[in-house]
Structure formats: C-alpha cells, structure tokens
Amino acid sequence: MGKTRSKVWRPNEISRDLNALLEINVDYKQAWRAKQYAMELLLGSSEESFAKLPIYFHNLKRHNPGTVAYIQTDSEDCFECCFYAIGSTIRAFKSFCRKVIIIDGAHLKGNHIACNSYGWEQPDTAPCVRNMKKKRVLYECVGDCQELTFVTDRADAIRVSIENVFPHAHHGLCAFHILGNIVHKFGKNDKTKVLFWRLVKAYKRNVFEEVWYRFSSTRPQVAAYLSEIPRAKWTRAYSPSKRYDYMTSNSAESMNALSVDARKMPIIPLLEFFRRLSQEWCYKRRIEGVLTEWAKKVVSKNEERTPGWSVSGVSDALYEVHDFKHGGIVDLRQETCT
C-alpha cells in the first residue's frame, strides 16, 4: 500500500489501496460513503452523540471529583454549546500552573459545524464553548485573582467578557496578531519584524526604550500605529502581570493542529480525545522526572548561553548571580531579579 499523509485513511487512499490489494475499482464517492459508514460504526452518529452528552458529563463528574461541566440549550431545548474542565486540571492550574489563560478558536469539521474554543494550556479545558451566557463557567473554575492573565486576539467580545467577568485580570494581546495587522497595513519588512519582536520580548523597560528609539526612527508610521495600543497589552516590559513567554496565542494554535482529525468526530469522541490526551500528558510528566522535557531544554539552553557566570547561594531561595559585566540578586520564591 502507498503511504498516507496522516493517520486518517482518506477516500482517495482507500480507492488506491483497494485497487492495489484486491484489484477492485472504487471511485472517490464510493470510498467516501464507505468511510463514513465505517466511522459511524466505530464512533456512533453525531445525533446519538449529542443525545448521550448529558450522560457523558454526569459520569465525567462522578468519576472525576471537582469537574465542572455544563450544557447550554436554547428556548426549544436544542444544543447550543457546552463546557467542561476536569477536576484534576482545575486543581493543577490553581496550585501549580502559571496563571495564564490563552483563548483562541477552532472550527469543528463534522456533520454539525460549530466553533471550538480553547482556554489555558490544558487540552481538556473548554472544548465546544461558543457563548456561555447563562453561567460564568470559567470563573467558577479558576475564580478571579490579581495574577490572572489572558492572552487573546483583539476581538471586542472577548475584551468585554474579560472586563465583566474577571475585573482584576490583565488582558494581554497576541503579538503575532498585531504583527499580522502591521504587515497588512504597511507591508512586509524584515527589519520591522526583527525590531518588533525585540520590543515584545524585552524584559526591562530601558532595553525596550532603546529599541523603541531605533524603531520609531526607522519606521515612524508603524511606531505611530503601535502607540495607539497600550504597551501593557503587547509588551513584556510594561505588562502589569507575569506573561512569561506567552506573548502570542500560538499554544492554542498548536492544540488546533494536534486535534485536526479529532475535530471531525462526533462530540463525545471529540471530548474524549481531549480528556485522554490530558491524562496521557500528566502521566508522562509524572514518570519522566521533576522537569518536563520542555523545561529540561530551556535549562540546557540557558546553561549554554551563560558560560563563565558565577552563582553564589545566599539562602534557600536567594542567589547572587554575576556575569562578565553586571551582578544581581535572584529571588526564586518571589520570582524577581534585580
């Protein structure tokens, strides 16, 4: 058999392989109908899946303490949207995770087209939510705190919702979306792109101001456009909350790419995909060690970039760090660096 482009057996590949193995000529439409029939036998129909959704959520909450799950229907009791967050995910986010929630959308591709909305960097947090008007479900999961940060595009509906439901949270904008608007308005320019990302990622305000002076001198029109957007929204240096490395919504886009085939499934198999994915990730992280593979790579890169630096312990959380020019105190508990 020939190679397939993904794990999904496509109609043209079905037709090709049947012809090669059994010398049967099957056209594209026949292969497509056969595939749809086989998928329905395996996963059930979309209608059956929606009908069983209340039972699925009931069992999800029964076997996972602390799970939040809601279904919203219209005036005729027809499905509008749903939300769920596994209890262990909620507890992990509150106790151990960075308080950053990334919001983006993805269109479902099954028989019933809808919009899939992701929050946080947990795969099972909020699938299939479009507009939960009746309940502040995300607030019920995480509450409102000073440290909470949202990263989204510039959609007004999202901005208004965050201001109303999470008044103490900081709403940051996706820098990649802003760069896309710059390219659309002023054209593509490699120098603009390089300086823009240096502005976005600068840790200290004096570094930002140095780059900003160069940027405004070489690209005054783009600088004027960026001046209309509060710096607290798109820069790390002026952010009132901790955004860490989450200057874009690319994490949510990664989830979209990962779930491209799952989004063609009926709703319960789709939700199960995210639940099982979260379970698999958590299990691997528990058995692989204290640091995740991503964290190990970050530590390794930092070690390569800092040869010759000296680190002296002051206490269990305070360290004095010196490079070839400067020195400072790093407080691991307060997450600060002088």
Protein backbone atom coordinates (compact mmCIF):
# COMPACT_ATOMS: atom_id res chain seq x y z
CA MET A 1 0.00 0.00 0.00
CA GLY A 2 1.08 3.57 -0.58
CA LYS A 3 1.90 5.96 2.21
CA THR A 4 -0.79 8.15 3.74
CA ARG A 5 -0.27 11.77 4.75
CA SER A 6 -1.76 11.22 8.23
CA LYS A 7 -3.26 8.56 10.47
CA VAL A 8 -6.63 9.09 8.78
CA TRP A 9 -7.35 6.87 5.78
CA ARG A 10 -8.64 9.27 3.13
CA PRO A 11 -11.12 8.29 0.37
CA ASN A 12 -8.55 8.58 -2.42
CA GLU A 13 -6.17 6.39 -0.40
CA ILE A 14 -8.94 3.84 0.23
CA SER A 15 -9.64 3.71 -3.51
CA ARG A 16 -5.94 3.34 -4.33
CA ASP A 17 -5.28 0.59 -1.75
CA LEU A 18 -8.37 -1.46 -2.68
CA ASN A 19 -7.29 -1.37 -6.28
CA ALA A 20 -3.75 -2.47 -5.36
CA LEU A 21 -4.77 -5.25 -2.94
CA LEU A 22 -7.98 -6.62 -4.45
CA GLU A 23 -7.93 -5.18 -7.97
CA ILE A 24 -11.30 -3.53 -7.28
CA ASN A 25 -12.09 -0.21 -8.90
CA VAL A 26 -13.77 2.05 -6.34
CA ASP A 27 -14.38 5.68 -7.20
CA TYR A 28 -13.95 8.56 -4.75
CA LYS A 29 -17.65 8.89 -3.83
CA GLN A 30 -17.99 5.18 -3.06
CA ALA A 31 -14.84 5.27 -0.91
CA TRP A 32 -16.12 8.36 0.92
CA ARG A 33 -19.50 6.76 1.70
CA ALA A 34 -17.79 3.56 2.86
CA LYS A 35 -15.53 5.54 5.15
CA GLN A 36 -18.48 7.48 6.62
CA TYR A 37 -20.32 4.22 7.29
CA ALA A 38 -17.26 2.66 8.96
CA MET A 39 -16.67 5.74 11.11
CA GLU A 40 -20.30 5.71 12.25
CA LEU A 41 -19.97 2.05 13.24
CA LEU A 42 -16.87 2.90 15.28
CA LEU A 43 -17.86 6.23 16.82
CA GLY A 44 -21.63 6.39 16.50
CA SER A 45 -23.60 9.07 14.72
CA SER A 46 -23.45 12.76 15.57
CA GLU A 47 -27.11 12.72 16.61
CA GLU A 48 -26.57 9.82 19.02
CA SER A 49 -23.50 11.52 20.45
CA PHE A 50 -25.37 14.74 21.23
CA ALA A 51 -28.20 12.75 22.82
CA LYS A 52 -25.74 10.95 25.14
CA LEU A 53 -23.84 14.09 26.11
CA PRO A 54 -25.72 14.65 29.44
CA ILE A 55 -24.92 11.06 30.49
CA TYR A 56 -21.28 11.54 29.50
CA PHE A 57 -20.99 14.70 31.59
CA HIS A 58 -22.75 13.02 34.53
CA ASN A 59 -20.22 10.17 34.53
CA LEU A 60 -17.35 12.58 33.99
CA LYS A 61 -18.25 14.49 37.17
CA ARG A 62 -19.00 11.29 39.05
CA HIS A 63 -15.58 9.73 38.42
CA ASN A 64 -13.52 12.96 38.48
CA PRO A 65 -14.24 14.95 41.67
CA GLY A 66 -14.26 18.71 41.17
CA THR A 67 -15.07 18.52 37.47
CA VAL A 68 -17.12 21.40 36.08
CA ALA A 69 -19.39 20.55 33.14
CA TYR A 70 -22.33 22.41 31.62
CA ILE A 71 -24.57 22.11 28.59
CA GLN A 72 -26.40 25.18 27.32
CA THR A 73 -29.57 24.81 25.23
CA ASP A 74 -31.86 27.30 23.51
CA SER A 75 -35.53 28.03 24.18
CA GLU A 76 -36.51 24.85 22.30
CA ASP A 77 -34.06 22.75 24.34
CA CYS A 78 -31.72 22.30 21.37
CA PHE A 79 -27.97 22.16 21.94
CA GLU A 80 -26.10 25.47 21.74
CA CYS A 81 -22.77 24.87 23.44
CA CYS A 82 -21.03 23.03 26.24
CA PHE A 83 -18.14 23.45 28.64
CA TYR A 84 -16.11 21.09 30.77
CA ALA A 85 -12.93 21.16 32.82
CA ILE A 86 -11.57 18.08 34.58
CA GLY A 87 -11.23 18.47 38.36
CA SER A 88 -7.56 17.50 38.42
CA THR A 89 -6.84 20.10 35.73
CA ILE A 90 -8.58 22.81 37.76
CA ARG A 91 -6.64 21.91 40.90
CA ALA A 92 -3.35 21.79 38.98
CA PHE A 93 -3.97 25.20 37.45
CA LYS A 94 -4.86 26.82 40.78
CA SER A 95 -1.97 25.28 42.73
CA PHE A 96 0.93 24.76 40.35
CA CYS A 97 0.47 26.28 36.89
CA ARG A 98 1.33 29.72 35.61
CA LYS A 99 -1.77 31.89 35.82
CA VAL A 100 -2.02 32.47 32.08
CA ILE A 101 -5.10 31.59 30.03
CA ILE A 102 -4.81 31.62 26.24
CA ILE A 103 -8.04 31.88 24.27
CA ASP A 104 -8.42 31.06 20.60
CA GLY A 105 -10.97 29.30 18.42
CA ALA A 106 -11.12 26.38 16.00
CA HIS A 107 -13.94 25.27 13.73
CA LEU A 108 -15.27 21.76 14.11
CA LYS A 109 -15.41 19.78 10.88
CA GLY A 110 -18.03 17.11 11.49
CA ASN A 111 -21.61 16.90 10.29
CA HIS A 112 -22.64 19.61 12.75
CA ILE A 113 -20.36 22.58 12.16
CA ALA A 114 -19.53 24.58 15.28
CA CYS A 115 -16.75 26.54 16.92
CA ASN A 116 -14.30 25.05 19.38
CA SER A 117 -12.76 27.37 21.96
CA TYR A 118 -9.67 26.55 23.98
CA GLY A 119 -8.52 28.10 27.22
CA TRP A 120 -5.35 27.64 29.27
CA GLU A 121 -2.66 25.31 28.06
CA GLN A 122 -4.53 22.21 29.16
CA PRO A 123 -6.11 20.21 26.32
CA ASP A 124 -9.32 19.32 28.14
CA THR A 125 -10.38 22.67 29.49
CA ALA A 126 -13.12 24.21 27.42
CA PRO A 127 -13.97 22.44 24.22
CA CYS A 128 -17.05 23.37 22.21
CA VAL A 129 -17.76 26.61 24.04
CA ARG A 130 -19.03 29.40 21.87
CA ASN A 131 -21.07 31.64 24.16
CA MET A 132 -21.90 30.53 27.69
CA LYS A 133 -24.35 33.30 28.56
CA LYS A 134 -26.17 31.65 31.43
CA LYS A 135 -23.18 30.75 33.61
CA ARG A 136 -19.74 32.18 34.27
CA VAL A 137 -18.26 28.73 33.94
CA LEU A 138 -14.61 29.71 33.58
CA TYR A 139 -14.91 31.96 36.63
CA GLU A 140 -16.35 29.02 38.56
CA CYS A 141 -13.23 27.03 37.69
CA VAL A 142 -10.43 29.49 38.39
CA GLY A 143 -12.00 32.45 40.21
CA ASP A 144 -10.67 35.98 39.88
CA CYS A 145 -7.21 36.90 41.11
CA GLN A 146 -4.66 39.66 40.62
CA GLU A 147 -2.16 37.32 38.96
CA LEU A 148 -4.50 36.03 36.25
CA THR A 149 -3.55 36.95 32.68
CA PHE A 150 -5.46 36.36 29.45
CA VAL A 151 -3.78 36.29 26.04
CA THR A 152 -6.15 36.68 23.08
CA ASP A 153 -6.58 38.45 19.77
CA ARG A 154 -8.21 41.90 19.62
CA ALA A 155 -11.83 40.70 19.45
CA ASP A 156 -14.09 43.18 21.28
CA ALA A 157 -16.41 40.44 22.54
CA ILE A 158 -13.53 38.74 24.37
CA ARG A 159 -12.34 42.05 25.82
CA VAL A 160 -15.78 42.93 27.18
CA SER A 161 -16.27 39.45 28.65
CA ILE A 162 -12.92 39.55 30.45
CA GLU A 163 -13.60 43.03 31.83
CA ASN A 164 -17.02 41.97 33.15
CA VAL A 165 -16.21 38.50 34.50
CA PHE A 166 -12.55 38.93 35.52
CA PRO A 167 -12.20 42.60 36.53
CA HIS A 168 -8.85 42.04 38.30
CA ALA A 169 -7.24 40.04 35.49
CA HIS A 170 -4.84 41.52 32.95
CA HIS A 171 -5.84 41.17 29.30
CA GLY A 172 -2.81 40.90 27.03
CA LEU A 173 -2.92 40.78 23.25
CA CYS A 174 -1.35 38.22 20.94
CA ALA A 175 1.75 39.84 19.43
CA PHE A 176 1.51 37.63 16.35
CA HIS A 177 -1.94 39.05 15.54
CA ILE A 178 -0.61 42.59 15.98
CA LEU A 179 2.31 41.84 13.65
CA GLY A 180 -0.17 40.46 11.12
CA ASN A 181 -2.08 43.75 11.24
CA ILE A 182 1.18 45.67 10.74
CA VAL A 183 2.04 43.59 7.67
CA HIS A 184 -1.49 44.10 6.31
CA LYS A 185 -1.38 47.89 6.80
CA PHE A 186 2.24 48.73 5.99
CA GLY A 187 3.59 45.78 4.03
CA LYS A 188 6.15 43.13 4.88
CA ASN A 189 9.54 44.31 6.11
CA ASP A 190 12.15 42.04 7.70
CA LYS A 191 13.75 44.82 9.74
CA THR A 192 10.37 45.84 11.13
CA LYS A 193 9.68 42.25 12.11
CA VAL A 194 13.01 41.84 13.93
CA LEU A 195 12.66 45.10 15.87
CA PHE A 196 9.02 44.40 16.69
CA TRP A 197 9.84 41.06 18.33
CA ARG A 198 12.69 42.68 20.25
CA LEU A 199 10.17 45.21 21.59
CA VAL A 200 7.71 42.48 22.50
CA LYS A 201 10.22 40.24 24.28
CA ALA A 202 12.32 42.85 26.09
CA TYR A 203 12.36 42.17 29.84
CA LYS A 204 13.50 45.60 31.02
CA ARG A 205 11.98 48.95 30.17
CA ASN A 206 15.31 50.62 29.47
CA VAL A 207 16.04 47.92 26.86
CA PHE A 208 12.57 48.45 25.39
CA GLU A 209 13.12 52.22 25.16
CA GLU A 210 16.45 51.75 23.36
CA VAL A 211 14.84 49.52 20.74
CA TRP A 212 11.78 51.79 20.54
CA TYR A 213 14.00 54.79 19.68
CA ARG A 214 15.51 52.87 16.75
CA PHE A 215 12.10 51.55 15.72
CA SER A 216 10.37 54.95 15.74
CA SER A 217 13.29 56.48 13.81
CA THR A 218 13.27 53.90 11.03
CA ARG A 219 9.55 53.06 10.88
CA PRO A 220 7.66 56.13 12.18
CA GLN A 221 4.30 55.14 10.67
CA VAL A 222 4.38 51.69 12.26
CA ALA A 223 5.51 53.22 15.56
CA ALA A 224 2.55 55.61 15.44
CA TYR A 225 0.22 52.64 14.90
CA LEU A 226 1.73 50.75 17.84
CA SER A 227 1.47 53.86 20.02
CA GLU A 228 -2.31 53.57 19.76
CA ILE A 229 -2.14 50.20 21.56
CA PRO A 230 -1.27 50.40 25.28
CA ARG A 231 2.18 48.95 25.87
CA ALA A 232 0.84 46.93 28.77
CA LYS A 233 -1.19 44.94 26.25
CA TRP A 234 1.58 43.69 23.97
CA THR A 235 4.99 44.05 25.66
CA ARG A 236 6.61 42.01 28.41
CA ALA A 237 8.46 45.01 29.87
CA TYR A 238 5.30 47.01 30.58
CA SER A 239 2.94 44.15 31.40
CA PRO A 240 1.47 44.62 34.91
CA SER A 241 1.22 40.84 35.29
CA LYS A 242 3.51 37.92 34.55
CA ARG A 243 3.18 36.80 30.94
CA TYR A 244 6.37 34.71 30.99
CA ASP A 245 6.99 33.61 27.38
CA TYR A 246 3.31 33.69 26.40
CA MET A 247 3.41 36.71 24.11
CA THR A 248 1.28 35.00 21.45
CA SER A 249 -1.65 32.59 21.29
CA ASN A 250 0.47 30.01 19.42
CA SER A 251 -0.06 27.44 22.18
CA ALA A 252 -3.75 27.31 21.30
CA GLU A 253 -2.86 27.05 17.61
CA SER A 254 -0.72 24.01 18.48
CA MET A 255 -3.79 22.40 20.03
CA ASN A 256 -5.69 23.12 16.83
CA ALA A 257 -3.05 21.31 14.78
CA LEU A 258 -2.99 18.40 17.21
CA SER A 259 -6.77 17.96 17.09
CA VAL A 260 -7.29 18.46 13.35
CA ASP A 261 -8.58 14.90 12.86
CA ALA A 262 -10.42 14.71 16.20
CA ARG A 263 -12.48 17.78 15.26
CA LYS A 264 -14.15 15.71 12.53
CA MET A 265 -15.56 13.27 15.12
CA PRO A 266 -18.94 13.35 16.89
CA ILE A 267 -18.96 15.41 20.07
CA ILE A 268 -18.36 12.69 22.69
CA PRO A 269 -15.35 11.12 20.90
CA LEU A 270 -14.03 14.66 20.46
CA LEU A 271 -14.31 15.41 24.18
CA GLU A 272 -12.81 12.01 24.99
CA PHE A 273 -9.86 12.85 22.74
CA PHE A 274 -9.00 15.86 24.90
CA ARG A 275 -9.61 14.01 28.17
CA ARG A 276 -7.36 11.11 27.18
CA LEU A 277 -4.74 13.50 25.83
CA SER A 278 -4.60 15.34 29.16
CA GLN A 279 -4.40 12.05 31.04
CA GLU A 280 -1.54 10.86 28.83
CA TRP A 281 0.41 14.10 29.24
CA CYS A 282 0.01 14.17 33.02
CA TYR A 283 1.08 10.53 33.34
CA LYS A 284 4.20 11.03 31.22
CA ARG A 285 5.21 14.11 33.19
CA ARG A 286 4.84 12.27 36.49
CA ILE A 287 7.07 9.35 35.50
CA GLU A 288 9.70 11.22 33.48
CA GLY A 289 11.04 13.31 36.37
CA VAL A 290 10.80 16.63 38.17
CA LEU A 291 11.22 18.68 34.98
CA THR A 292 9.29 18.21 31.77
CA GLU A 293 11.22 17.70 28.53
CA TRP A 294 10.41 21.29 27.57
CA ALA A 295 11.79 22.61 30.88
CA LYS A 296 14.94 20.49 30.53
CA LYS A 297 15.61 22.02 27.10
CA VAL A 298 15.11 25.54 28.48
CA VAL A 299 17.55 24.89 31.34
CA SER A 300 20.07 23.35 28.94
CA LYS A 301 19.88 26.32 26.55
CA ASN A 302 20.30 28.77 29.44
CA GLU A 303 23.40 26.90 30.59
CA GLU A 304 24.87 27.10 27.07
CA ARG A 305 24.21 30.84 26.91
CA THR A 306 25.82 31.62 30.28
CA PRO A 307 29.32 30.10 30.27
CA GLY A 308 31.51 31.60 32.95
CA TRP A 309 28.66 33.06 35.00
CA SER A 310 29.06 32.67 38.76
CA VAL A 311 26.19 31.75 41.09
CA SER A 312 26.52 32.07 44.88
CA GLY A 313 23.83 30.94 47.27
CA VAL A 314 22.56 33.47 49.83
CA SER A 315 19.69 31.38 51.21
CA ASP A 316 17.47 28.56 50.03
CA ALA A 317 15.69 30.93 47.62
CA LEU A 318 18.15 33.83 47.14
CA TYR A 319 21.16 33.65 44.80
CA GLU A 320 23.77 36.18 43.78
CA VAL A 321 24.49 35.96 40.04
CA HIS A 322 27.38 37.65 38.20
CA ASP A 323 28.17 37.73 34.51
CA PHE A 324 31.18 39.48 33.00
CA LYS A 325 29.68 42.98 33.36
CA HIS A 326 26.84 43.01 35.87
CA GLY A 327 25.59 41.31 39.01
CA GLY A 328 22.24 40.89 40.71
CA ILE A 329 20.15 39.03 43.24
CA VAL A 330 17.72 36.36 42.00
CA ASP A 331 14.82 35.53 44.32
CA LEU A 332 13.29 32.23 43.25
CA ARG A 333 10.42 32.47 45.71
CA GLN A 334 9.38 35.98 44.64
CA GLU A 335 10.43 35.32 41.03
CA THR A 336 12.39 38.58 40.82
CA CYS A 337 15.82 39.61 39.57
CA THR A 338 17.50 42.92 40.46
